[in-house]
Protein backbone atom coordinates (compact mmCIF):
# COMPACT_ATOMS: atom_id res chain seq x y z
CA MET A 1 -187.95 -157.67 89.75
CA ARG A 2 -191.70 -157.11 89.31
CA LEU A 3 -192.76 -157.00 85.66
CA VAL A 4 -195.57 -154.64 84.67
CA ILE A 5 -196.31 -154.11 81.00
CA HIS A 6 -198.27 -151.33 79.38
CA CYS A 7 -200.65 -152.45 76.62
CA ASP A 8 -201.89 -149.81 74.21
CA CYS A 9 -203.81 -150.74 71.07
CA ASP A 10 -202.65 -148.53 68.21
CA ASN A 11 -205.37 -146.45 66.55
CA TYR A 12 -207.91 -148.40 68.57
CA PHE A 13 -211.11 -147.38 66.81
CA ALA A 14 -209.56 -148.06 63.40
CA SER A 15 -208.19 -151.41 64.60
CA VAL A 16 -211.64 -152.46 65.82
CA GLU A 17 -213.20 -151.43 62.49
CA GLU A 18 -210.61 -153.50 60.59
CA LYS A 19 -211.28 -156.47 62.85
CA PHE A 20 -214.97 -156.45 61.92
CA ASN A 21 -214.45 -155.42 58.28
CA PRO A 22 -211.09 -156.79 57.03
CA ALA A 23 -211.56 -155.13 53.61
CA LEU A 24 -210.79 -151.82 55.34
CA LYS A 25 -207.17 -152.95 55.76
CA ASN A 26 -206.69 -152.32 52.03
CA ILE A 27 -207.89 -148.71 51.88
CA PRO A 28 -206.97 -145.57 53.80
CA PHE A 29 -209.78 -144.63 56.16
CA ALA A 30 -210.54 -142.42 59.11
CA VAL A 31 -212.96 -143.02 61.96
CA CYS A 32 -214.92 -139.84 62.53
CA GLY A 33 -217.99 -138.68 64.42
CA ASN A 34 -221.47 -138.54 62.98
CA PRO A 35 -221.45 -136.39 59.80
CA GLU A 36 -225.18 -135.66 60.13
CA MET A 37 -224.42 -133.94 63.43
CA ARG A 38 -221.43 -132.14 61.84
CA HIS A 39 -218.95 -134.12 63.95
CA SER A 40 -216.49 -135.07 61.26
CA ILE A 41 -213.23 -134.83 63.22
CA VAL A 42 -210.72 -137.61 62.59
CA MET A 43 -210.68 -139.64 65.81
CA ALA A 44 -208.50 -142.47 64.50
CA LYS A 45 -207.06 -143.64 61.21
CA ASN A 46 -205.59 -146.85 59.88
CA SER A 47 -201.95 -147.38 58.96
CA LEU A 48 -202.52 -146.49 55.28
CA ALA A 49 -204.03 -143.14 56.21
CA LYS A 50 -201.22 -142.59 58.69
CA LYS A 51 -198.61 -143.28 55.97
CA ALA A 52 -200.38 -140.73 53.76
CA GLY A 53 -199.88 -138.13 56.51
CA VAL A 54 -203.39 -137.91 57.95
CA PRO A 55 -203.25 -136.71 61.57
CA THR A 56 -205.96 -137.13 64.19
CA GLY A 57 -207.91 -134.10 65.37
CA ILE A 58 -208.50 -132.44 62.01
CA SER A 59 -211.73 -132.30 60.04
CA PHE A 60 -212.44 -135.02 57.52
CA ARG A 61 -212.53 -132.35 54.81
CA GLN A 62 -208.96 -131.32 55.68
CA ALA A 63 -207.90 -134.98 55.83
CA LYS A 64 -209.29 -135.58 52.31
CA LYS A 65 -207.02 -132.81 51.03
CA ILE A 66 -204.05 -134.69 52.45
CA CYS A 67 -205.25 -138.10 51.27
CA PRO A 68 -207.82 -137.87 48.42
CA ASP A 69 -208.57 -141.63 48.61
CA LEU A 70 -209.46 -141.44 52.31
CA GLU A 71 -212.72 -143.19 53.23
CA TYR A 72 -215.05 -142.15 56.06
CA VAL A 73 -216.12 -144.63 58.74
CA THR A 74 -218.63 -143.39 61.30
CA ALA A 75 -217.56 -144.07 64.87
CA ASP A 76 -219.50 -146.79 66.68
CA MET A 77 -218.88 -146.27 70.39
CA GLY A 78 -221.05 -149.23 71.37
CA LYS A 79 -218.82 -151.53 69.31
CA TYR A 80 -215.66 -150.04 70.81
CA LEU A 81 -216.97 -150.40 74.36
CA GLU A 82 -217.92 -154.02 73.72
CA GLN A 83 -214.47 -154.74 72.28
CA THR A 84 -212.90 -153.03 75.30
CA LYS A 85 -214.77 -155.43 77.61
CA LEU A 86 -213.55 -158.42 75.59
CA THR A 87 -209.98 -157.14 75.51
CA ARG A 88 -209.98 -156.64 79.28
CA GLU A 89 -211.24 -160.20 79.76
CA ILE A 90 -208.29 -161.42 77.69
CA PHE A 91 -205.89 -159.30 79.76
CA LYS A 92 -207.28 -160.92 82.91
CA LYS A 93 -206.37 -164.37 81.55
CA TYR A 94 -202.74 -163.29 81.89
CA SER A 95 -202.94 -161.54 85.24
CA ASP A 96 -205.29 -160.82 88.12
CA ASP A 97 -203.60 -157.43 88.46
CA VAL A 98 -204.87 -155.34 85.51
CA THR A 99 -205.25 -151.57 85.75
CA PRO A 100 -207.33 -150.19 82.86
CA TYR A 101 -206.33 -146.81 81.49
CA GLY A 102 -208.81 -145.54 78.93
CA MET A 103 -210.63 -147.73 76.46
CA ASP A 104 -207.58 -149.19 74.78
CA GLU A 105 -204.85 -149.23 77.41
CA ALA A 106 -203.99 -151.14 80.55
CA PHE A 107 -201.10 -151.82 82.88
CA ILE A 108 -200.73 -155.56 83.45
CA SER A 109 -198.62 -157.01 86.25
CA LEU A 110 -197.00 -160.23 85.12
CA GLY A 111 -195.42 -161.00 88.47
CA SER A 112 -191.73 -161.46 89.19
CA VAL A 113 -188.93 -162.28 86.79
CA SER A 114 -185.27 -162.87 87.60
CA PHE A 115 -183.40 -161.22 84.75
CA ARG A 116 -183.93 -158.32 82.35
CA GLU A 117 -183.65 -160.73 79.38
CA SER A 118 -186.42 -162.85 80.88
CA ALA A 119 -188.59 -159.75 81.26
CA ALA A 120 -188.13 -158.78 77.62
CA SER A 121 -188.79 -162.31 76.41
CA GLU A 122 -191.85 -162.72 78.63
CA THR A 123 -193.23 -159.34 77.58
CA GLN A 124 -192.86 -160.17 73.88
CA SER A 125 -194.45 -163.58 74.36
CA ARG A 126 -197.47 -162.17 76.20
CA ARG A 127 -197.82 -159.35 73.68
CA GLN A 128 -197.99 -161.82 70.80
CA ARG A 129 -200.57 -163.96 72.60
CA ILE A 130 -202.73 -160.93 73.50
CA CYS A 131 -202.58 -159.62 69.92
CA ALA A 132 -203.58 -163.03 68.58
CA ALA A 133 -206.44 -163.34 71.06
CA THR A 134 -207.82 -159.85 70.36
CA LYS A 135 -207.17 -160.16 66.61
CA MET A 136 -205.84 -156.60 66.65
């Protein structure tokens, strides 16, 4: 059986922001567009904001009504693109057969495995190593 796993980084923009500013892990925040250009739509949020019920796709003003402690983080597409390049390099350490899908997703062929249990074990092992390497 050929094993292909799908990697998807949860709330990618928020995860990248937490990687570079670990203090953000302790407060609910949303990654939004540039407020000076009136682009304040919630593009991503961290787990604390998610637990408070903040959805993506609404205005920051609406999100603040749901979660009054919500902090605003301006999106940094250059940072996200750079992190995407690094993440893809890590994926390629595990397989030559990587199919990117968006900034934060990829299908990774891990080759052949004999049994379903081996596939599950191998998938979990690779997932843990990729998460550790990306620090997300």
